[in-house]
Every structure is written in structure tokens, then in C-alpha cells.
N, C-alpha and C. Protein backbone atom coordinates (compact mmCIF):
# COMPACT_ATOMS: atom_id res chain seq x y z
N MET A 1 0.78 -1.14 -0.07
CA MET A 1 -0.08 0.08 0.06
C MET A 1 1.05 1.36 -0.03
N ARG A 2 0.70 2.14 -0.81
CA ARG A 2 1.33 3.41 -0.94
C ARG A 2 1.06 4.49 0.13
N LYS A 3 2.15 5.03 0.67
CA LYS A 3 1.87 6.14 1.61
C LYS A 3 1.34 7.33 0.74
N ILE A 4 0.17 7.93 1.16
CA ILE A 4 -0.47 8.99 0.42
C ILE A 4 0.51 10.27 0.35
N PHE A 5 0.76 10.87 1.40
CA PHE A 5 1.77 11.84 1.77
C PHE A 5 1.59 12.60 3.06
N THR A 6 2.47 13.26 3.54
CA THR A 6 2.53 13.86 4.84
C THR A 6 1.72 14.99 4.88
N HIS A 7 0.75 15.23 5.90
CA HIS A 7 -0.09 16.24 6.05
C HIS A 7 0.44 17.41 6.96
N TYR A 8 0.24 18.54 6.64
CA TYR A 8 0.57 19.69 7.29
C TYR A 8 -0.63 20.66 7.60
N HIS A 9 -1.64 19.97 8.03
CA HIS A 9 -2.96 20.73 8.17
C HIS A 9 -2.76 21.98 9.17
N ASN A 10 -2.15 21.52 10.26
CA ASN A 10 -2.11 22.66 11.35
C ASN A 10 -1.10 23.84 10.77
N LEU A 11 -0.08 23.49 10.07
CA LEU A 11 0.84 24.43 9.56
C LEU A 11 0.06 25.37 8.46
N ASN A 12 -0.74 24.73 7.74
CA ASN A 12 -1.51 25.33 6.71
C ASN A 12 -2.48 26.38 7.50
N LYS A 13 -3.16 25.99 8.57
CA LYS A 13 -4.03 26.88 9.35
C LYS A 13 -3.20 28.00 9.78
N VAL A 14 -1.99 27.78 10.50
CA VAL A 14 -1.14 28.78 10.95
C VAL A 14 -0.70 29.81 9.88
N GLY A 15 -0.44 29.31 8.69
CA GLY A 15 0.03 30.21 7.64
C GLY A 15 -1.20 31.07 7.11
N LEU A 16 -2.35 30.49 6.98
CA LEU A 16 -3.54 31.20 6.72
C LEU A 16 -3.80 32.37 7.67
N TRP A 17 -3.80 31.92 9.08
CA TRP A 17 -4.07 33.00 9.91
C TRP A 17 -3.06 34.08 10.03
N LEU A 18 -1.84 33.69 9.81
CA LEU A 18 -0.67 34.78 9.79
C LEU A 18 -0.95 35.65 8.68
N SER A 19 -1.35 35.30 7.41
CA SER A 19 -1.59 36.22 6.52
C SER A 19 -2.89 36.93 6.59
N ILE A 20 -3.85 36.49 7.35
CA ILE A 20 -4.88 37.28 7.75
C ILE A 20 -4.50 38.30 8.79
N LEU A 21 -3.75 37.89 9.69
CA LEU A 21 -3.29 38.82 10.77
C LEU A 21 -2.49 39.99 10.21
N CYS A 22 -1.74 39.56 9.22
CA CYS A 22 -0.95 40.62 8.38
C CYS A 22 -1.84 41.66 7.79
N THR A 23 -2.87 41.08 7.16
CA THR A 23 -3.95 42.15 6.49
C THR A 23 -4.62 42.91 7.53
N VAL A 24 -5.11 42.29 8.62
CA VAL A 24 -5.63 43.17 9.73
C VAL A 24 -4.70 44.23 10.28
N HIS A 25 -3.41 43.84 10.51
CA HIS A 25 -2.15 44.66 10.84
C HIS A 25 -2.12 45.90 9.94
N CYS A 26 -2.20 45.57 8.73
CA CYS A 26 -1.88 46.79 7.72
C CYS A 26 -3.20 47.64 7.69
N LEU A 27 -4.34 47.09 7.73
CA LEU A 27 -5.69 47.93 7.79
C LEU A 27 -5.70 48.75 9.14
N ALA A 28 -5.13 48.16 10.28
CA ALA A 28 -5.29 48.87 11.43
C ALA A 28 -4.21 50.01 11.58
N MET A 29 -3.17 49.90 10.82
CA MET A 29 -2.05 50.83 11.00
C MET A 29 -2.41 52.33 11.17
N PRO A 30 -3.30 52.76 10.24
CA PRO A 30 -3.63 54.26 10.32
C PRO A 30 -4.10 54.43 11.75
N PHE A 31 -4.99 53.76 12.37
CA PHE A 31 -5.49 53.80 13.71
C PHE A 31 -4.47 53.68 14.75
N LEU A 32 -3.65 52.83 14.48
CA LEU A 32 -2.47 52.56 15.58
C LEU A 32 -1.55 53.69 15.56
N LEU A 33 -1.42 54.21 14.26
CA LEU A 33 -0.34 55.33 14.28
C LEU A 33 -0.82 56.63 14.95
N THR A 34 -2.14 56.81 14.94
CA THR A 34 -2.65 57.96 15.74
C THR A 34 -2.57 57.81 17.11
N SER A 35 -2.52 56.51 17.56
CA SER A 35 -2.28 56.09 19.04
C SER A 35 -0.79 56.10 19.57
N LEU A 36 0.10 56.23 18.75
CA LEU A 36 1.43 56.18 19.04
C LEU A 36 1.93 57.02 20.34
N PRO A 37 1.33 58.30 20.43
CA PRO A 37 1.92 59.05 21.50
C PRO A 37 1.39 58.30 22.84
N TYR A 38 0.38 57.75 22.73
CA TYR A 38 -0.20 57.11 24.03
C TYR A 38 0.58 55.54 24.19
N LEU A 39 0.81 55.02 23.15
CA LEU A 39 1.45 53.55 23.18
C LEU A 39 2.96 53.57 23.44
N GLY A 40 3.68 54.58 23.00
CA GLY A 40 5.09 54.80 22.88
C GLY A 40 5.59 54.60 21.54
N LYS A 41 6.82 55.16 21.18
CA LYS A 41 7.36 55.15 19.98
C LYS A 41 7.59 53.74 19.44
N ASN A 42 8.13 52.85 20.39
CA ASN A 42 8.60 51.40 19.86
C ASN A 42 7.41 50.46 19.76
N ALA A 43 6.36 50.85 19.91
CA ALA A 43 5.05 49.97 19.97
C ALA A 43 4.87 49.30 18.53
N ILE A 44 5.12 50.06 17.50
CA ILE A 44 4.99 49.55 16.11
C ILE A 44 6.20 49.87 15.42
N SER A 45 6.70 48.97 14.69
CA SER A 45 7.98 49.11 13.93
C SER A 45 7.94 48.50 12.63
N GLU A 46 8.79 49.05 11.77
CA GLU A 46 8.76 48.38 10.34
C GLU A 46 9.35 47.01 10.48
N GLN A 47 10.25 46.74 11.33
CA GLN A 47 10.87 45.41 11.65
C GLN A 47 9.76 44.40 12.00
N SER A 48 8.68 44.81 12.76
CA SER A 48 7.59 43.92 12.98
C SER A 48 6.83 43.57 11.81
N GLU A 49 6.64 44.44 10.92
CA GLU A 49 5.92 44.22 9.74
C GLU A 49 6.80 43.24 8.86
N ILE A 50 8.10 43.47 8.67
CA ILE A 50 8.98 42.46 7.91
C ILE A 50 8.91 41.26 8.63
N LEU A 51 9.03 41.15 9.63
CA LEU A 51 8.91 39.76 10.42
C LEU A 51 7.71 39.08 10.24
N LEU A 52 6.48 39.62 10.40
CA LEU A 52 5.25 39.11 10.13
C LEU A 52 5.13 38.52 8.70
N ILE A 53 5.54 39.44 7.82
CA ILE A 53 5.48 39.02 6.48
C ILE A 53 6.52 38.00 5.99
N GLY A 54 7.62 38.10 6.56
CA GLY A 54 8.76 37.12 6.32
C GLY A 54 8.33 35.66 6.84
N ILE A 55 7.76 35.54 8.08
CA ILE A 55 7.31 34.24 8.57
C ILE A 55 6.24 33.83 7.78
N SER A 56 5.27 34.56 7.43
CA SER A 56 4.14 34.18 6.59
C SER A 56 4.61 33.66 5.33
N ALA A 57 5.46 34.44 4.62
CA ALA A 57 6.02 33.98 3.34
C ALA A 57 6.73 32.71 3.38
N GLY A 58 7.70 32.65 4.30
CA GLY A 58 8.55 31.43 4.48
C GLY A 58 7.71 30.13 4.68
N LEU A 59 6.81 30.11 5.52
CA LEU A 59 5.83 29.14 5.81
C LEU A 59 4.99 28.71 4.46
N ALA A 60 4.63 29.96 3.83
CA ALA A 60 3.77 29.75 2.55
C ALA A 60 4.60 28.97 1.54
N ILE A 61 5.87 29.43 1.31
CA ILE A 61 6.65 28.87 0.17
C ILE A 61 6.95 27.38 0.61
N PHE A 62 7.26 27.12 1.89
CA PHE A 62 7.44 25.69 2.24
C PHE A 62 6.17 24.92 1.88
N LEU A 63 5.05 25.13 2.47
CA LEU A 63 3.68 24.42 2.36
C LEU A 63 3.33 24.29 0.89
N LEU A 64 3.15 25.47 0.27
CA LEU A 64 2.55 25.46 -0.87
C LEU A 64 3.53 24.63 -1.99
N ARG A 65 4.71 24.65 -1.90
CA ARG A 65 5.69 23.92 -2.73
C ARG A 65 5.49 22.45 -2.46
N LYS A 66 5.52 22.07 -1.09
CA LYS A 66 5.28 20.81 -0.60
C LYS A 66 3.93 20.12 -1.26
N ASP A 67 2.65 20.89 -1.07
CA ASP A 67 1.46 20.53 -1.63
C ASP A 67 1.43 20.36 -3.13
N TYR A 68 2.22 21.32 -3.82
CA TYR A 68 2.19 21.28 -5.13
C TYR A 68 2.66 20.00 -5.80
N LYS A 69 3.51 19.30 -5.10
CA LYS A 69 4.02 18.12 -5.47
C LYS A 69 2.96 16.99 -5.49
N ASN A 70 1.98 17.32 -4.63
CA ASN A 70 0.92 16.20 -4.53
C ASN A 70 -0.43 16.53 -5.62
N HIS A 71 -0.68 17.85 -5.59
CA HIS A 71 -2.05 18.13 -6.34
C HIS A 71 -1.64 18.79 -7.55
N HIS A 72 -0.38 19.03 -7.89
CA HIS A 72 0.17 19.67 -9.17
C HIS A 72 -0.57 20.86 -9.87
N ASN A 73 -1.29 21.58 -8.98
CA ASN A 73 -1.85 22.80 -9.52
C ASN A 73 -0.88 24.02 -9.08
N SER A 74 -0.62 24.79 -10.03
CA SER A 74 0.38 25.94 -9.72
C SER A 74 -0.36 27.26 -9.40
N THR A 75 -1.64 27.34 -9.35
CA THR A 75 -2.40 28.48 -9.13
C THR A 75 -2.07 29.03 -7.70
N PRO A 76 -1.95 28.19 -6.63
CA PRO A 76 -1.68 28.81 -5.31
C PRO A 76 -0.41 29.47 -5.30
N LEU A 77 0.71 28.76 -5.99
CA LEU A 77 2.04 29.25 -5.91
C LEU A 77 2.15 30.67 -6.80
N LYS A 78 1.31 30.68 -7.86
CA LYS A 78 1.28 31.95 -8.69
C LYS A 78 0.68 33.10 -7.75
N LEU A 79 -0.39 32.86 -7.01
CA LEU A 79 -0.92 33.76 -6.23
C LEU A 79 0.09 34.19 -5.03
N LEU A 80 0.84 33.19 -4.51
CA LEU A 80 1.67 33.54 -3.59
C LEU A 80 2.93 34.49 -4.20
N PHE A 81 3.21 34.21 -5.35
CA PHE A 81 4.33 35.03 -5.92
C PHE A 81 3.86 36.50 -6.17
N ILE A 82 2.53 36.49 -6.59
CA ILE A 82 2.01 37.95 -6.71
C ILE A 82 1.91 38.61 -5.46
N ALA A 83 1.57 37.90 -4.46
CA ALA A 83 1.34 38.51 -3.08
C ALA A 83 2.71 38.89 -2.56
N LEU A 84 3.73 38.17 -2.72
CA LEU A 84 5.17 38.60 -2.35
C LEU A 84 5.58 39.85 -3.15
N ILE A 85 5.33 39.88 -4.35
CA ILE A 85 5.59 41.16 -5.08
C ILE A 85 4.81 42.20 -4.44
N PHE A 86 3.61 42.27 -4.16
CA PHE A 86 2.93 43.35 -3.53
C PHE A 86 3.59 43.68 -2.08
N ASN A 87 3.78 42.73 -1.25
CA ASN A 87 4.38 43.02 -0.06
C ASN A 87 5.79 43.60 -0.08
N VAL A 88 6.64 43.12 -0.92
CA VAL A 88 7.96 43.76 -0.99
C VAL A 88 7.94 45.08 -1.57
N LEU A 89 6.98 45.31 -2.58
CA LEU A 89 6.70 46.79 -3.16
C LEU A 89 6.22 47.53 -2.02
N GLY A 90 5.34 47.09 -1.29
CA GLY A 90 4.65 47.98 -0.05
C GLY A 90 5.63 48.30 1.00
N ILE A 91 6.52 47.35 1.40
CA ILE A 91 7.45 47.67 2.39
C ILE A 91 8.62 48.49 1.89
N PHE A 92 9.12 48.29 0.76
CA PHE A 92 10.45 48.77 0.44
C PHE A 92 10.42 49.97 -0.72
N PHE A 93 9.47 49.87 -1.61
CA PHE A 93 9.35 50.73 -2.73
C PHE A 93 8.46 51.72 -3.06
N VAL A 94 7.17 51.54 -2.70
CA VAL A 94 6.13 52.46 -2.84
C VAL A 94 6.17 53.67 -1.78
N PRO A 95 5.73 54.86 -2.39
CA PRO A 95 5.61 55.91 -1.35
C PRO A 95 4.71 55.50 -0.21
N HIS A 96 5.02 56.02 0.97
CA HIS A 96 4.27 55.76 2.15
C HIS A 96 2.90 55.65 2.13
N ALA A 97 2.22 56.58 1.32
CA ALA A 97 0.77 56.69 1.17
C ALA A 97 0.06 55.47 0.45
N TYR A 98 0.87 54.73 -0.27
CA TYR A 98 0.35 53.65 -0.91
C TYR A 98 0.73 52.26 -0.13
N GLU A 99 1.49 52.39 0.83
CA GLU A 99 1.96 51.11 1.57
C GLU A 99 0.93 50.26 1.92
N VAL A 100 -0.29 50.95 2.61
CA VAL A 100 -1.25 50.05 3.17
C VAL A 100 -1.99 49.31 2.00
N PHE A 101 -2.15 49.96 0.83
CA PHE A 101 -2.93 49.20 -0.38
C PHE A 101 -2.06 48.07 -0.79
N PHE A 102 -0.79 48.22 -0.86
CA PHE A 102 0.04 47.14 -1.39
C PHE A 102 0.28 45.97 -0.28
N ASN A 103 0.37 46.31 0.94
CA ASN A 103 0.52 45.19 1.85
C ASN A 103 -0.76 44.49 2.18
N VAL A 104 -2.05 45.34 2.23
CA VAL A 104 -3.30 44.61 2.38
C VAL A 104 -3.58 43.72 1.27
N THR A 105 -3.30 44.31 -0.01
CA THR A 105 -3.44 43.37 -1.26
C THR A 105 -2.60 42.18 -1.14
N GLY A 106 -1.36 42.28 -0.70
CA GLY A 106 -0.43 41.16 -0.68
C GLY A 106 -0.96 40.10 0.42
N GLY A 107 -1.44 40.67 1.55
CA GLY A 107 -1.92 39.83 2.61
C GLY A 107 -3.16 38.99 2.10
N LEU A 108 -4.10 39.72 1.42
CA LEU A 108 -5.28 39.05 0.99
C LEU A 108 -4.97 37.94 -0.15
N LEU A 109 -4.15 38.39 -0.99
CA LEU A 109 -3.59 37.30 -1.97
C LEU A 109 -2.90 36.19 -1.25
N MET A 110 -2.16 36.35 -0.29
CA MET A 110 -1.48 35.23 0.37
C MET A 110 -2.48 34.46 1.09
N ALA A 111 -3.41 35.04 1.63
CA ALA A 111 -4.50 34.16 2.39
C ALA A 111 -5.32 33.46 1.23
N SER A 112 -5.51 34.00 0.13
CA SER A 112 -6.15 33.31 -0.96
C SER A 112 -5.39 32.19 -1.41
N ALA A 113 -4.02 32.30 -1.50
CA ALA A 113 -3.15 31.33 -1.83
C ALA A 113 -3.42 30.17 -1.07
N TYR A 114 -3.33 30.40 0.24
CA TYR A 114 -3.57 29.33 1.38
C TYR A 114 -4.73 28.61 1.15
N GLY A 115 -5.87 29.43 1.08
CA GLY A 115 -7.20 28.86 0.93
C GLY A 115 -7.23 27.88 -0.21
N LEU A 116 -6.96 28.44 -1.37
CA LEU A 116 -6.98 27.55 -2.57
C LEU A 116 -6.05 26.40 -2.40
N ASN A 117 -4.80 26.50 -1.89
CA ASN A 117 -4.04 25.37 -1.65
C ASN A 117 -4.69 24.28 -0.83
N TRP A 118 -5.49 24.81 0.22
CA TRP A 118 -6.15 23.96 1.22
C TRP A 118 -7.10 23.20 0.26
N TYR A 119 -7.74 23.90 -0.47
CA TYR A 119 -8.91 23.08 -1.45
C TYR A 119 -8.25 22.06 -2.21
N TYR A 120 -7.19 22.39 -2.91
CA TYR A 120 -6.49 21.46 -3.81
C TYR A 120 -5.88 20.26 -2.96
N HIS A 121 -5.33 20.57 -1.85
CA HIS A 121 -4.88 19.55 -0.92
C HIS A 121 -5.86 18.53 -0.44
N LYS A 122 -7.02 19.07 -0.06
CA LYS A 122 -8.05 18.11 0.32
C LYS A 122 -8.69 17.38 -0.80
N ARG A 123 -8.71 17.94 -2.04
CA ARG A 123 -9.27 17.19 -3.26
C ARG A 123 -8.21 16.07 -3.56
N ALA A 124 -6.84 16.51 -3.46
CA ALA A 124 -5.91 15.41 -3.75
C ALA A 124 -5.84 14.19 -2.75
N CYS A 125 -6.20 14.63 -1.53
CA CYS A 125 -6.15 13.64 -0.51
C CYS A 125 -7.48 12.80 -0.60
N HIS A 126 -8.65 13.43 -0.96
CA HIS A 126 -9.90 12.54 -1.25
C HIS A 126 -9.64 11.64 -2.48
N SER A 127 -9.05 12.20 -3.54
CA SER A 127 -8.99 11.36 -4.74
C SER A 127 -7.94 10.15 -4.48
N SER A 128 -6.87 10.42 -3.74
CA SER A 128 -5.94 9.45 -3.42
C SER A 128 -6.53 8.27 -2.51
N SER A 129 -7.30 8.78 -1.63
CA SER A 129 -7.94 7.73 -0.67
C SER A 129 -8.92 6.77 -1.40
N HIS A 130 -9.48 7.25 -2.52
CA HIS A 130 -10.47 6.44 -3.34
C HIS A 130 -9.73 5.59 -4.37
N GLN A 131 -8.45 5.73 -4.48
CA GLN A 131 -7.73 4.92 -5.57
C GLN A 131 -7.41 3.60 -5.03
N HIS A 132 -7.47 3.30 -3.71
CA HIS A 132 -7.02 2.04 -3.16
C HIS A 132 -7.97 0.86 -3.25
């Protein structure tokens, strides 16, 4: 009997929630920035954004590449690639006024990539279990 493949369901869930958290963080930034005098200067930093996006992206690259080997659908990887472009542009290249748009779009695309990957992963699991 052939081993179907190793599951990373919990990591997929963590990655999905990290990308959603990143999106919420980006949407909340204008409100948080107005609170900085009350929170202290170090409460929010660019390094925390980079860390959050970096962890989400690293986990996504690992999981989506692994699942691609099983379901062979590249759409989640393409969405992830576009999400990473938006996030890198948002953090490092676009004027500050457009940063939120780029990072929110990147976060939503990354969450969509996770969701679509989850769908293809479940479909591949289901079809593999019926082949025995």
C-alpha cells in the first residue's frame, strides 16, 4: 500500500491565520499610528511588519511547494508570488501613502493562496484515498 503523503494541516492553518493577521495589521495601521503618542514610539515598527510578512511568506513557500508536488496545481504558487511582489513593493519601494494598499492586497492574496491550496490539498487527499 502506497503512503499518500505527509499532512501539514495545522501549519496550513497557521499560515492562513498569519496572512490574515498581516492584513488586519495593515488595515489597522492608520488607527494605531494615531495612538502612538499613548503607546510609545517603539510599539509599532517596520521590523515587526517585515518579520510578520517574512514568517508568513517562508511558511507559505514551504507548504505550497510541498503540496504542489501532490496536487500539481500551480495557481496557489502563482498567487503567492504575486502576493510577495505586492508585499515587497509595499514595504520597500512605494511611497508611504500607498504602503497600506500594497500590503493589504499582498496579505489578501497570500490568504487566498493558502485557501486555494487547502482546497486542492483536500481534493488530492480525497482522490488518493479512493484509488486504493
